[in-house]
Amino acid sequence: MNHLSEAYLDIETTGLSLHLDDITVIGIYIVHGKDDKLVQLFGEQVNSGNLLKTLRGTGKIYTYNGSRFDLPFIQTSLGIDLGKNFQHHDLMYDCWRNNLYGGLKSVEQQLGVDRQLKGINGYDAIKLWWRFRSLNDHTALRLLLAYNKEDLTNLKAVRDILL
């Protein structure tokens, strides 16, 4: 019996460049049996110590396109190779095997997974972060974190359907 938790991981960034942009949010949805916990590191909280502490006790990390985006971004920014330290399962490839293509939101629609925050995408997440940082707009931060949380919980919903 596996007593380790599973974690769903999704990051938000200031852009798409591993070398020019920064991680703004690391969202981690930890599921251990019937217990679950959401941890969202943002701003100065985004560091290797906080990430590793949050993932302690995790057996497997699930992402969507994490092999090409989230994990390389974390390795470049924080110096942690999550793929080496944890089992990693990129749900995008399961989607492809099931003829489900596009980003996570597109796959959700194809699978009938509902999304409360309709019309918000990764580019909006970048703008919300800058509104928070430059204008101290805490409403923008709350919306960004709600968007990240929905990505995480929907990652689990997609996993539950496909696996």
Foldseek 3Di string as FASTA:
>chain_A
DQQFKEKEWDWAWLDQDLPPIATAWIWIWIDGPPDIDIDIQGDPSPEPVNVCVVCPRHAEYEYACCVPGVQSSCCSHHVDRCVVVHPYDHCNVLCVVVVQDDGLVSSCVVVVNDDPDPPDDSVLLSVLSCCCVVVVPVVSVVVSVSVRVRNRVSSVVSVVVRD
